[in-house]
Amino acid sequence: MKALNVFGLLVIGACSLQACQSPESRAPEKDSSSVDSGAADSSTMNSMATSGGADDSLKKADITNQSGVEGDDATFMKKAAIGGMMEVDAGKMALKSTNTKVKAFAEQMVADHTKANNELKAIAAKKKVLLPEAYPAEEKAHLDMMKSMTGADFDKHYIEMMVTDHDKTIALFNTGAASADNEVSAFAKKTLPVIKGHFEKAKTIKAGLK
């Protein structure tokens, strides 16, 4: 009887320590490798997301900075390009004039502004600024209208146009001369005296026209 009691106590003790412990009460041990793996995956995903964001930012920066000058400088160059084209094309039309002073002035416009236009194109290409190759509608309509004019009417209109345009061009090139970009500023400063000379000549010729 005592032996039985001892045996029973042994069985109960063993049951309480191991065999009788229910599966629900035994929490499974965490697999440290799986935890580490999950953390690594999360870290990788975050890294990829961060890297992707950086790439997107760089792409946006590249698009924003594809021009090598500030917005005001690009605007100056584009306006100067349109004005320069008009001076050349209007000058070529004025070569038909029978007025020697008007014709000589037109020849100077074609020569001087062709040179300036080429210099501007070189700077724009270097700065990755796309200059307009066609006229805005208003300028095109003006030039088309001039093609139908002849004689004294053409001379008067052309010279008055040159006075008005060069007055505006001087103001435009003064803004270009104040540019923080050395090449843009140097171009504007170099061209300003030429434009001022055209302005004074145009005023003198205008005063002599009837």
N, C-alpha and C. Protein backbone atom coordinates (compact mmCIF):
# COMPACT_ATOMS: atom_id res chain seq x y z
N MET A 1 0.83 -1.20 0.00
CA MET A 1 0.00 0.00 0.00
C MET A 1 0.87 1.25 0.00
N LYS A 2 1.86 1.32 0.79
CA LYS A 2 2.79 2.44 0.82
C LYS A 2 3.50 2.57 -0.51
N ALA A 3 3.88 1.38 -1.07
CA ALA A 3 4.55 1.42 -2.37
C ALA A 3 3.67 2.04 -3.42
N LEU A 4 2.36 1.70 -3.35
CA LEU A 4 1.43 2.26 -4.32
C LEU A 4 1.33 3.77 -4.18
N ASN A 5 1.29 4.20 -2.89
CA ASN A 5 1.18 5.65 -2.68
C ASN A 5 2.41 6.40 -3.20
N VAL A 6 3.57 5.81 -2.98
CA VAL A 6 4.79 6.43 -3.49
C VAL A 6 4.77 6.52 -5.00
N PHE A 7 4.30 5.43 -5.64
CA PHE A 7 4.23 5.39 -7.10
C PHE A 7 3.27 6.45 -7.62
N GLY A 8 2.14 6.55 -6.94
CA GLY A 8 1.14 7.54 -7.35
C GLY A 8 1.67 8.94 -7.23
N LEU A 9 2.42 9.20 -6.15
CA LEU A 9 2.99 10.54 -6.00
C LEU A 9 3.98 10.86 -7.11
N LEU A 10 4.76 9.84 -7.48
CA LEU A 10 5.73 10.04 -8.57
C LEU A 10 5.02 10.37 -9.88
N VAL A 11 3.92 9.63 -10.14
CA VAL A 11 3.17 9.86 -11.38
C VAL A 11 2.57 11.26 -11.40
N ILE A 12 1.98 11.64 -10.25
CA ILE A 12 1.36 12.98 -10.17
C ILE A 12 2.40 14.07 -10.36
N GLY A 13 3.59 13.86 -9.75
CA GLY A 13 4.66 14.86 -9.87
C GLY A 13 5.12 15.01 -11.30
N ALA A 14 5.30 13.86 -11.94
CA ALA A 14 5.74 13.90 -13.35
C ALA A 14 4.70 14.57 -14.22
N CYS A 15 3.42 14.29 -13.90
CA CYS A 15 2.33 14.86 -14.69
C CYS A 15 2.30 16.37 -14.54
N SER A 16 2.50 16.81 -13.32
CA SER A 16 2.45 18.27 -13.09
C SER A 16 3.61 18.99 -13.73
N LEU A 17 4.77 18.35 -13.88
CA LEU A 17 5.94 18.99 -14.46
C LEU A 17 5.95 18.95 -15.98
N GLN A 18 5.47 17.84 -16.58
CA GLN A 18 5.63 17.67 -18.03
C GLN A 18 4.34 17.22 -18.72
N ALA A 19 3.98 15.90 -18.50
CA ALA A 19 2.97 15.26 -19.33
C ALA A 19 1.61 15.88 -19.18
N CYS A 20 1.27 16.40 -18.01
CA CYS A 20 -0.07 16.90 -17.77
C CYS A 20 -0.21 18.38 -18.11
N GLN A 21 0.83 19.02 -18.53
CA GLN A 21 0.75 20.41 -18.95
C GLN A 21 0.05 20.49 -20.30
N SER A 22 -1.06 21.25 -20.41
CA SER A 22 -1.87 21.24 -21.63
C SER A 22 -1.16 21.98 -22.75
N PRO A 23 -1.45 21.61 -24.01
CA PRO A 23 -0.82 22.29 -25.15
C PRO A 23 -1.16 23.77 -25.18
N GLU A 24 -2.39 24.15 -24.78
CA GLU A 24 -2.80 25.54 -24.83
C GLU A 24 -1.99 26.42 -23.89
N SER A 25 -1.52 25.80 -22.75
CA SER A 25 -0.78 26.58 -21.77
C SER A 25 0.69 26.71 -22.10
N ARG A 26 1.13 25.99 -23.14
CA ARG A 26 2.54 26.06 -23.52
C ARG A 26 2.67 27.01 -24.72
N ALA A 27 3.13 28.18 -24.47
CA ALA A 27 3.30 29.15 -25.57
C ALA A 27 4.47 28.73 -26.42
N PRO A 28 4.28 28.71 -27.76
CA PRO A 28 5.41 28.31 -28.63
C PRO A 28 6.51 29.34 -28.57
N GLU A 29 7.74 28.84 -28.58
CA GLU A 29 8.90 29.75 -28.57
C GLU A 29 9.02 30.44 -29.93
N LYS A 30 9.35 31.74 -29.89
CA LYS A 30 9.52 32.49 -31.13
C LYS A 30 10.80 32.09 -31.83
N ASP A 31 10.64 31.92 -33.14
CA ASP A 31 11.82 31.61 -33.95
C ASP A 31 12.58 32.90 -34.20
N SER A 32 13.74 33.05 -33.55
CA SER A 32 14.50 34.29 -33.65
C SER A 32 14.93 34.57 -35.08
N SER A 33 15.18 33.47 -35.84
CA SER A 33 15.63 33.67 -37.22
C SER A 33 14.53 34.27 -38.06
N SER A 34 13.25 33.84 -37.80
CA SER A 34 12.15 34.39 -38.57
C SER A 34 11.91 35.84 -38.21
N VAL A 35 12.10 36.20 -36.96
CA VAL A 35 11.95 37.59 -36.54
C VAL A 35 12.99 38.46 -37.22
N ASP A 36 14.24 37.96 -37.17
CA ASP A 36 15.31 38.71 -37.81
C ASP A 36 15.06 38.86 -39.30
N SER A 37 14.54 37.78 -39.92
CA SER A 37 14.28 37.81 -41.35
C SER A 37 13.21 38.84 -41.68
N GLY A 38 12.16 38.86 -40.83
CA GLY A 38 11.09 39.83 -41.04
C GLY A 38 11.60 41.23 -40.92
N ALA A 39 12.44 41.47 -39.92
CA ALA A 39 12.99 42.80 -39.73
C ALA A 39 13.85 43.20 -40.92
N ALA A 40 14.61 42.20 -41.41
CA ALA A 40 15.48 42.47 -42.55
C ALA A 40 14.64 42.82 -43.77
N ASP A 41 13.51 42.04 -43.98
CA ASP A 41 12.65 42.32 -45.12
C ASP A 41 12.06 43.71 -45.02
N SER A 42 11.63 44.07 -43.80
CA SER A 42 11.06 45.39 -43.59
C SER A 42 12.09 46.48 -43.88
N SER A 43 13.32 46.23 -43.39
CA SER A 43 14.39 47.20 -43.62
C SER A 43 14.68 47.35 -45.10
N THR A 44 14.66 46.19 -45.83
CA THR A 44 14.93 46.21 -47.26
C THR A 44 13.86 47.00 -48.00
N MET A 45 12.58 46.74 -47.61
CA MET A 45 11.49 47.45 -48.25
C MET A 45 11.60 48.95 -48.02
N ASN A 46 11.92 49.32 -46.77
CA ASN A 46 12.08 50.74 -46.47
C ASN A 46 13.21 51.35 -47.27
N SER A 47 14.31 50.59 -47.40
CA SER A 47 15.46 51.07 -48.15
C SER A 47 15.11 51.28 -49.61
N MET A 48 14.32 50.29 -50.16
CA MET A 48 13.92 50.39 -51.55
C MET A 48 13.01 51.59 -51.75
N ALA A 49 12.08 51.79 -50.81
CA ALA A 49 11.16 52.92 -50.92
C ALA A 49 11.92 54.23 -50.87
N THR A 50 12.88 54.29 -49.93
CA THR A 50 13.68 55.50 -49.79
C THR A 50 14.50 55.76 -51.04
N SER A 51 15.10 54.68 -51.56
CA SER A 51 15.92 54.81 -52.76
C SER A 51 15.09 55.26 -53.93
N GLY A 52 13.86 54.68 -54.06
CA GLY A 52 12.98 55.07 -55.15
C GLY A 52 12.61 56.52 -55.06
N GLY A 53 12.32 56.98 -53.85
CA GLY A 53 11.97 58.38 -53.65
C GLY A 53 13.12 59.29 -54.04
N ALA A 54 14.32 58.88 -53.68
CA ALA A 54 15.49 59.69 -54.02
C ALA A 54 15.67 59.76 -55.52
N ASP A 55 15.45 58.59 -56.20
CA ASP A 55 15.58 58.59 -57.65
C ASP A 55 14.56 59.54 -58.28
N ASP A 56 13.30 59.48 -57.76
CA ASP A 56 12.27 60.36 -58.29
C ASP A 56 12.64 61.82 -58.11
N SER A 57 13.19 62.13 -56.94
CA SER A 57 13.59 63.52 -56.67
C SER A 57 14.69 63.96 -57.61
N LEU A 58 15.63 63.05 -57.87
CA LEU A 58 16.72 63.39 -58.78
C LEU A 58 16.21 63.61 -60.19
N LYS A 59 15.23 62.75 -60.60
CA LYS A 59 14.67 62.91 -61.93
C LYS A 59 13.97 64.26 -62.06
N LYS A 60 13.18 64.60 -61.00
CA LYS A 60 12.51 65.89 -61.02
C LYS A 60 13.51 67.03 -61.06
N ALA A 61 14.59 66.88 -60.29
CA ALA A 61 15.62 67.92 -60.27
C ALA A 61 16.25 68.08 -61.64
N ASP A 62 16.47 66.92 -62.32
CA ASP A 62 17.08 66.98 -63.64
C ASP A 62 16.17 67.72 -64.61
N ILE A 63 14.86 67.45 -64.53
CA ILE A 63 13.91 68.10 -65.43
C ILE A 63 13.86 69.60 -65.14
N THR A 64 13.83 69.93 -63.84
CA THR A 64 13.75 71.33 -63.44
C THR A 64 14.99 72.09 -63.87
N ASN A 65 16.14 71.44 -63.78
CA ASN A 65 17.40 72.12 -64.01
C ASN A 65 17.99 71.82 -65.38
N GLN A 66 17.15 71.35 -66.32
CA GLN A 66 17.71 71.02 -67.63
C GLN A 66 18.17 72.29 -68.36
N SER A 67 17.60 73.45 -67.97
CA SER A 67 18.10 74.71 -68.48
C SER A 67 19.18 75.22 -67.55
N GLY A 68 20.27 75.72 -68.13
CA GLY A 68 21.39 76.15 -67.30
C GLY A 68 21.28 77.58 -66.82
N VAL A 69 20.12 78.23 -66.99
CA VAL A 69 19.96 79.61 -66.54
C VAL A 69 18.66 79.75 -65.76
N GLU A 70 18.52 80.86 -65.07
CA GLU A 70 17.29 81.15 -64.34
C GLU A 70 16.16 81.47 -65.33
N GLY A 71 14.93 81.42 -64.84
CA GLY A 71 13.77 81.64 -65.69
C GLY A 71 13.77 83.00 -66.36
N ASP A 72 14.18 84.05 -65.64
CA ASP A 72 14.21 85.40 -66.21
C ASP A 72 15.22 85.49 -67.35
N ASP A 73 16.33 84.80 -67.21
CA ASP A 73 17.34 84.82 -68.27
C ASP A 73 16.85 84.11 -69.52
N ALA A 74 16.16 82.99 -69.32
CA ALA A 74 15.59 82.25 -70.45
C ALA A 74 14.55 83.10 -71.16
N THR A 75 13.73 83.81 -70.40
CA THR A 75 12.72 84.70 -70.99
C THR A 75 13.38 85.81 -71.79
N PHE A 76 14.44 86.37 -71.23
CA PHE A 76 15.19 87.42 -71.95
C PHE A 76 15.69 86.89 -73.29
N MET A 77 16.31 85.72 -73.27
CA MET A 77 16.89 85.17 -74.50
C MET A 77 15.81 84.88 -75.55
N LYS A 78 14.66 84.39 -75.10
CA LYS A 78 13.59 84.08 -76.05
C LYS A 78 13.01 85.35 -76.67
N LYS A 79 12.81 86.39 -75.84
CA LYS A 79 12.30 87.66 -76.37
C LYS A 79 13.32 88.30 -77.30
N ALA A 80 14.59 88.23 -76.92
CA ALA A 80 15.65 88.79 -77.75
C ALA A 80 15.73 88.06 -79.09
N ALA A 81 15.49 86.75 -79.07
CA ALA A 81 15.54 85.95 -80.30
C ALA A 81 14.43 86.36 -81.26
N ILE A 82 13.22 86.54 -80.74
CA ILE A 82 12.10 86.95 -81.59
C ILE A 82 12.34 88.34 -82.16
N GLY A 83 12.79 89.26 -81.29
CA GLY A 83 13.10 90.61 -81.75
C GLY A 83 14.19 90.63 -82.79
N GLY A 84 15.21 89.82 -82.57
CA GLY A 84 16.32 89.75 -83.52
C GLY A 84 15.90 89.21 -84.87
N MET A 85 15.04 88.20 -84.86
CA MET A 85 14.54 87.64 -86.13
C MET A 85 13.74 88.69 -86.90
N MET A 86 12.93 89.45 -86.16
CA MET A 86 12.12 90.48 -86.81
C MET A 86 12.98 91.56 -87.44
N GLU A 87 14.04 91.96 -86.75
CA GLU A 87 14.92 92.99 -87.29
C GLU A 87 15.55 92.53 -88.61
N VAL A 88 15.93 91.25 -88.66
CA VAL A 88 16.54 90.71 -89.87
C VAL A 88 15.52 90.61 -91.01
N ASP A 89 14.36 90.02 -90.71
CA ASP A 89 13.36 89.81 -91.76
C ASP A 89 12.77 91.13 -92.26
N ALA A 90 12.51 92.06 -91.33
CA ALA A 90 12.00 93.36 -91.75
C ALA A 90 13.07 94.12 -92.54
N GLY A 91 14.32 93.97 -92.11
CA GLY A 91 15.43 94.61 -92.82
C GLY A 91 15.56 94.09 -94.24
N LYS A 92 15.38 92.79 -94.42
CA LYS A 92 15.46 92.22 -95.77
C LYS A 92 14.36 92.78 -96.67
N MET A 93 13.18 92.99 -96.09
CA MET A 93 12.09 93.61 -96.88
C MET A 93 12.43 95.04 -97.25
N ALA A 94 13.10 95.72 -96.30
CA ALA A 94 13.42 97.13 -96.52
C ALA A 94 14.54 97.33 -97.55
N LEU A 95 15.21 96.26 -97.94
CA LEU A 95 16.26 96.38 -98.95
C LEU A 95 15.68 96.79 -100.31
N LYS A 96 14.38 96.65 -100.47
CA LYS A 96 13.72 97.03 -101.74
C LYS A 96 13.49 98.55 -101.82
N SER A 97 13.71 99.25 -100.68
CA SER A 97 13.45 100.70 -100.65
C SER A 97 14.33 101.45 -101.65
N THR A 98 13.76 102.52 -102.22
CA THR A 98 14.51 103.37 -103.13
C THR A 98 15.15 104.55 -102.37
N ASN A 99 14.83 104.66 -101.10
CA ASN A 99 15.43 105.69 -100.26
C ASN A 99 16.78 105.17 -99.80
N THR A 100 17.85 105.86 -100.18
CA THR A 100 19.20 105.37 -99.89
C THR A 100 19.49 105.24 -98.39
N LYS A 101 18.95 106.17 -97.60
CA LYS A 101 19.19 106.11 -96.16
C LYS A 101 18.45 104.93 -95.52
N VAL A 102 17.24 104.73 -95.97
CA VAL A 102 16.45 103.60 -95.44
C VAL A 102 17.11 102.27 -95.84
N LYS A 103 17.54 102.20 -97.09
CA LYS A 103 18.17 100.97 -97.56
C LYS A 103 19.47 100.68 -96.83
N ALA A 104 20.29 101.73 -96.63
CA ALA A 104 21.56 101.55 -95.91
C ALA A 104 21.30 101.12 -94.46
N PHE A 105 20.29 101.70 -93.86
CA PHE A 105 19.93 101.32 -92.49
C PHE A 105 19.48 99.86 -92.45
N ALA A 106 18.69 99.45 -93.42
CA ALA A 106 18.22 98.06 -93.49
C ALA A 106 19.38 97.08 -93.63
N GLU A 107 20.36 97.46 -94.46
CA GLU A 107 21.54 96.60 -94.62
C GLU A 107 22.27 96.42 -93.29
N GLN A 108 22.37 97.51 -92.54
CA GLN A 108 23.03 97.44 -91.23
C GLN A 108 22.22 96.57 -90.26
N MET A 109 20.90 96.68 -90.31
CA MET A 109 20.05 95.85 -89.44
C MET A 109 20.28 94.36 -89.72
N VAL A 110 20.29 94.01 -90.98
CA VAL A 110 20.46 92.60 -91.36
C VAL A 110 21.82 92.09 -90.88
N ALA A 111 22.87 92.88 -91.12
CA ALA A 111 24.23 92.45 -90.74
C ALA A 111 24.39 92.37 -89.22
N ASP A 112 24.03 93.44 -88.52
CA ASP A 112 24.25 93.49 -87.06
C ASP A 112 23.39 92.48 -86.31
N HIS A 113 22.13 92.37 -86.70
CA HIS A 113 21.24 91.47 -85.96
C HIS A 113 21.45 90.01 -86.33
N THR A 114 21.93 89.75 -87.54
CA THR A 114 22.30 88.36 -87.87
C THR A 114 23.45 87.91 -86.99
N LYS A 115 24.43 88.80 -86.81
CA LYS A 115 25.57 88.48 -85.95
C LYS A 115 25.13 88.27 -84.50
N ALA A 116 24.31 89.18 -84.00
CA ALA A 116 23.82 89.07 -82.62
C ALA A 116 22.97 87.81 -82.44
N ASN A 117 22.15 87.51 -83.42
CA ASN A 117 21.30 86.32 -83.34
C ASN A 117 22.13 85.05 -83.25
N ASN A 118 23.20 85.00 -84.03
CA ASN A 118 24.07 83.82 -84.01
C ASN A 118 24.77 83.68 -82.65
N GLU A 119 25.20 84.79 -82.09
CA GLU A 119 25.83 84.76 -80.77
C GLU A 119 24.84 84.29 -79.71
N LEU A 120 23.61 84.77 -79.80
CA LEU A 120 22.57 84.38 -78.85
C LEU A 120 22.25 82.89 -78.96
N LYS A 121 22.19 82.39 -80.20
CA LYS A 121 21.92 80.96 -80.41
C LYS A 121 23.00 80.09 -79.78
N ALA A 122 24.24 80.54 -79.90
CA ALA A 122 25.35 79.77 -79.32
C ALA A 122 25.24 79.71 -77.79
N ILE A 123 24.90 80.84 -77.18
CA ILE A 123 24.74 80.88 -75.71
C ILE A 123 23.56 80.01 -75.29
N ALA A 124 22.46 80.14 -76.02
CA ALA A 124 21.26 79.37 -75.69
C ALA A 124 21.51 77.87 -75.79
N ALA A 125 22.24 77.45 -76.81
CA ALA A 125 22.54 76.03 -76.96
C ALA A 125 23.39 75.53 -75.79
N LYS A 126 24.34 76.34 -75.38
CA LYS A 126 25.20 75.98 -74.25
C LYS A 126 24.41 75.90 -72.95
N LYS A 127 23.42 76.79 -72.81
CA LYS A 127 22.61 76.84 -71.59
C LYS A 127 21.40 75.92 -71.66
N LYS A 128 21.22 75.24 -72.79
CA LYS A 128 20.09 74.34 -73.01
C LYS A 128 18.75 75.07 -72.96
N VAL A 129 18.73 76.24 -73.58
CA VAL A 129 17.49 77.01 -73.70
C VAL A 129 17.02 76.92 -75.15
N LEU A 130 15.79 76.47 -75.35
CA LEU A 130 15.25 76.33 -76.70
C LEU A 130 14.67 77.67 -77.14
N LEU A 131 15.27 78.24 -78.15
CA LEU A 131 14.79 79.52 -78.68
C LEU A 131 13.68 79.28 -79.69
N PRO A 132 12.72 80.21 -79.77
CA PRO A 132 11.63 80.05 -80.75
C PRO A 132 12.14 80.13 -82.17
N GLU A 133 11.57 79.29 -83.02
CA GLU A 133 11.96 79.28 -84.43
C GLU A 133 10.88 79.89 -85.32
N ALA A 134 9.72 80.16 -84.73
CA ALA A 134 8.62 80.76 -85.47
C ALA A 134 8.09 81.97 -84.69
N TYR A 135 7.43 82.87 -85.40
CA TYR A 135 6.90 84.07 -84.76
C TYR A 135 5.58 83.80 -84.05
N PRO A 136 5.32 84.52 -82.97
CA PRO A 136 3.97 84.53 -82.40
C PRO A 136 3.00 85.11 -83.43
N ALA A 137 1.72 84.87 -83.28
CA ALA A 137 0.72 85.26 -84.29
C ALA A 137 0.75 86.75 -84.59
N GLU A 138 0.87 87.59 -83.57
CA GLU A 138 0.83 89.04 -83.78
C GLU A 138 2.01 89.53 -84.61
N GLU A 139 3.20 89.04 -84.29
CA GLU A 139 4.39 89.45 -85.03
C GLU A 139 4.34 88.96 -86.48
N LYS A 140 3.83 87.74 -86.67
CA LYS A 140 3.73 87.19 -88.02
C LYS A 140 2.75 88.01 -88.87
N ALA A 141 1.63 88.38 -88.26
CA ALA A 141 0.64 89.17 -88.98
C ALA A 141 1.21 90.53 -89.38
N HIS A 142 2.01 91.12 -88.50
CA HIS A 142 2.63 92.41 -88.78
C HIS A 142 3.57 92.32 -89.98
N LEU A 143 4.43 91.30 -89.97
CA LEU A 143 5.37 91.14 -91.08
C LEU A 143 4.64 90.84 -92.38
N ASP A 144 3.59 90.04 -92.32
CA ASP A 144 2.81 89.73 -93.53
C ASP A 144 2.17 90.99 -94.10
N MET A 145 1.69 91.86 -93.22
CA MET A 145 1.09 93.12 -93.66
C MET A 145 2.12 94.02 -94.35
N MET A 146 3.34 94.03 -93.82
CA MET A 146 4.39 94.87 -94.39
C MET A 146 4.77 94.44 -95.80
N LYS A 147 4.59 93.17 -96.10
CA LYS A 147 4.95 92.66 -97.43
C LYS A 147 4.11 93.31 -98.54
N SER A 148 2.93 93.78 -98.17
CA SER A 148 2.05 94.38 -99.18
C SER A 148 2.29 95.88 -99.34
N MET A 149 3.16 96.46 -98.51
CA MET A 149 3.41 97.90 -98.55
C MET A 149 4.56 98.22 -99.51
N THR A 150 4.50 99.39 -100.10
CA THR A 150 5.55 99.82 -101.04
C THR A 150 5.82 101.30 -100.88
N GLY A 151 6.95 101.75 -101.50
CA GLY A 151 7.25 103.17 -101.61
C GLY A 151 7.41 103.89 -100.27
N ALA A 152 6.95 105.13 -100.26
CA ALA A 152 7.11 105.98 -99.08
C ALA A 152 6.33 105.45 -97.88
N ASP A 153 5.21 104.84 -98.16
CA ASP A 153 4.40 104.28 -97.07
C ASP A 153 5.17 103.18 -96.33
N PHE A 154 5.84 102.35 -97.11
CA PHE A 154 6.64 101.29 -96.49
C PHE A 154 7.79 101.90 -95.70
N ASP A 155 8.50 102.85 -96.29
CA ASP A 155 9.66 103.46 -95.62
C ASP A 155 9.26 104.07 -94.28
N LYS A 156 8.16 104.81 -94.29
CA LYS A 156 7.70 105.47 -93.07
C LYS A 156 7.32 104.45 -92.00
N HIS A 157 6.57 103.44 -92.42
CA HIS A 157 6.15 102.41 -91.47
C HIS A 157 7.35 101.65 -90.90
N TYR A 158 8.27 101.30 -91.78
CA TYR A 158 9.45 100.54 -91.37
C TYR A 158 10.30 101.33 -90.37
N ILE A 159 10.57 102.59 -90.67
CA ILE A 159 11.44 103.38 -89.78
C ILE A 159 10.74 103.66 -88.44
N GLU A 160 9.45 103.95 -88.49
CA GLU A 160 8.71 104.15 -87.23
C GLU A 160 8.73 102.87 -86.40
N MET A 161 8.62 101.74 -87.08
CA MET A 161 8.70 100.45 -86.39
C MET A 161 10.07 100.28 -85.74
N MET A 162 11.12 100.67 -86.44
CA MET A 162 12.47 100.53 -85.91
C MET A 162 12.70 101.41 -84.68
N VAL A 163 12.12 102.61 -84.68
CA VAL A 163 12.25 103.50 -83.53
C VAL A 163 11.56 102.86 -82.31
N THR A 164 10.32 102.45 -82.52
CA THR A 164 9.54 101.85 -81.42
C THR A 164 10.18 100.56 -80.91
N ASP A 165 10.57 99.68 -81.85
CA ASP A 165 11.13 98.38 -81.45
C ASP A 165 12.46 98.53 -80.74
N HIS A 166 13.31 99.40 -81.22
CA HIS A 166 14.63 99.55 -80.59
C HIS A 166 14.53 100.20 -79.22
N ASP A 167 13.54 101.06 -79.05
CA ASP A 167 13.31 101.64 -77.72
C ASP A 167 12.97 100.53 -76.72
N LYS A 168 12.10 99.62 -77.13
CA LYS A 168 11.72 98.49 -76.28
C LYS A 168 12.89 97.51 -76.10
N THR A 169 13.66 97.34 -77.16
CA THR A 169 14.78 96.40 -77.10
C THR A 169 15.87 96.88 -76.15
N ILE A 170 16.07 98.19 -76.09
CA ILE A 170 17.06 98.74 -75.14
C ILE A 170 16.65 98.38 -73.70
N ALA A 171 15.36 98.55 -73.39
CA ALA A 171 14.86 98.20 -72.05
C ALA A 171 15.04 96.70 -71.78
N LEU A 172 14.78 95.88 -72.80
CA LEU A 172 14.94 94.44 -72.65
C LEU A 172 16.39 94.06 -72.38
N PHE A 173 17.30 94.66 -73.14
CA PHE A 173 18.72 94.33 -72.98
C PHE A 173 19.32 94.90 -71.70
N ASN A 174 18.72 95.91 -71.15
CA ASN A 174 19.15 96.40 -69.84
C ASN A 174 18.87 95.35 -68.76
N THR A 175 17.75 94.64 -68.90
CA THR A 175 17.46 93.55 -67.94
C THR A 175 18.44 92.40 -68.14
N GLY A 176 18.79 92.14 -69.40
CA GLY A 176 19.76 91.07 -69.67
C GLY A 176 21.14 91.42 -69.14
N ALA A 177 21.49 92.69 -69.21
CA ALA A 177 22.81 93.13 -68.71
C ALA A 177 22.92 92.96 -67.21
N ALA A 178 21.77 92.97 -66.51
CA ALA A 178 21.77 92.83 -65.05
C ALA A 178 21.71 91.37 -64.61
N SER A 179 21.77 90.44 -65.56
CA SER A 179 21.70 89.02 -65.24
C SER A 179 22.87 88.58 -64.37
N ALA A 180 22.58 87.59 -63.49
CA ALA A 180 23.64 87.02 -62.67
C ALA A 180 24.49 86.03 -63.46
N ASP A 181 23.99 85.62 -64.62
CA ASP A 181 24.75 84.71 -65.48
C ASP A 181 25.76 85.54 -66.28
N ASN A 182 27.01 85.22 -66.14
CA ASN A 182 28.08 86.04 -66.76
C ASN A 182 27.98 86.10 -68.28
N GLU A 183 27.67 84.97 -68.92
CA GLU A 183 27.62 84.95 -70.38
C GLU A 183 26.42 85.72 -70.91
N VAL A 184 25.28 85.56 -70.24
CA VAL A 184 24.07 86.29 -70.65
C VAL A 184 24.30 87.78 -70.47
N SER A 185 24.85 88.16 -69.32
CA SER A 185 25.11 89.56 -69.03
C SER A 185 26.11 90.16 -70.02
N ALA A 186 27.17 89.42 -70.32
CA ALA A 186 28.19 89.92 -71.25
C ALA A 186 27.62 90.12 -72.64
N PHE A 187 26.78 89.20 -73.08
CA PHE A 187 26.14 89.33 -74.40
C PHE A 187 25.27 90.58 -74.45
N ALA A 188 24.45 90.79 -73.42
CA ALA A 188 23.56 91.94 -73.40
C ALA A 188 24.35 93.25 -73.37
N LYS A 189 25.39 93.29 -72.53
CA LYS A 189 26.20 94.52 -72.44
C LYS A 189 26.93 94.81 -73.75
N LYS A 190 27.38 93.77 -74.41
CA LYS A 190 28.10 93.94 -75.68
C LYS A 190 27.15 94.43 -76.78
N THR A 191 25.91 93.97 -76.75
CA THR A 191 24.95 94.28 -77.81
C THR A 191 24.24 95.61 -77.59
N LEU A 192 24.15 96.05 -76.35
CA LEU A 192 23.43 97.28 -76.03
C LEU A 192 23.90 98.51 -76.83
N PRO A 193 25.21 98.77 -76.93
CA PRO A 193 25.66 99.94 -77.69
C PRO A 193 25.24 99.87 -79.16
N VAL A 194 25.21 98.67 -79.72
CA VAL A 194 24.80 98.50 -81.11
C VAL A 194 23.33 98.86 -81.26
N ILE A 195 22.51 98.37 -80.34
CA ILE A 195 21.07 98.65 -80.38
C ILE A 195 20.79 100.14 -80.19
N LYS A 196 21.53 100.77 -79.28
CA LYS A 196 21.36 102.21 -79.05
C LYS A 196 21.75 103.01 -80.29
N GLY A 197 22.78 102.53 -80.99
CA GLY A 197 23.19 103.19 -82.23
C GLY A 197 22.10 103.09 -83.28
N HIS A 198 21.46 101.91 -83.39
CA HIS A 198 20.35 101.73 -84.32
C HIS A 198 19.20 102.68 -83.98
N PHE A 199 18.93 102.80 -82.69
CA PHE A 199 17.82 103.64 -82.21
C PHE A 199 18.04 105.09 -82.62
N GLU A 200 19.24 105.58 -82.43
CA GLU A 200 19.55 106.97 -82.77
C GLU A 200 19.48 107.20 -84.27
N LYS A 201 19.97 106.25 -85.06
CA LYS A 201 19.93 106.38 -86.52
C LYS A 201 18.50 106.36 -87.04
N ALA A 202 17.69 105.46 -86.44
CA ALA A 202 16.29 105.36 -86.86
C ALA A 202 15.55 106.68 -86.57
N LYS A 203 15.83 107.28 -85.43
CA LYS A 203 15.18 108.56 -85.09
C LYS A 203 15.60 109.66 -86.08
N THR A 204 16.87 109.64 -86.46
CA THR A 204 17.36 110.66 -87.39
C THR A 204 16.70 110.49 -88.77
N ILE A 205 16.62 109.25 -89.22
CA ILE A 205 15.99 108.99 -90.53
C ILE A 205 14.50 109.34 -90.48
N LYS A 206 13.86 109.01 -89.38
CA LYS A 206 12.43 109.31 -89.25
C LYS A 206 12.18 110.81 -89.36
N ALA A 207 13.04 111.58 -88.74
CA ALA A 207 12.88 113.03 -88.78
C ALA A 207 13.01 113.59 -90.21
N GLY A 208 13.71 112.87 -91.08
CA GLY A 208 13.91 113.35 -92.44
C GLY A 208 12.88 112.84 -93.43
N LEU A 209 12.02 111.91 -92.99
CA LEU A 209 10.99 111.38 -93.88
C LEU A 209 9.74 112.26 -93.86
N LYS A 210 9.10 112.34 -95.01
CA LYS A 210 7.86 113.11 -95.10
C LYS A 210 6.65 112.17 -94.98
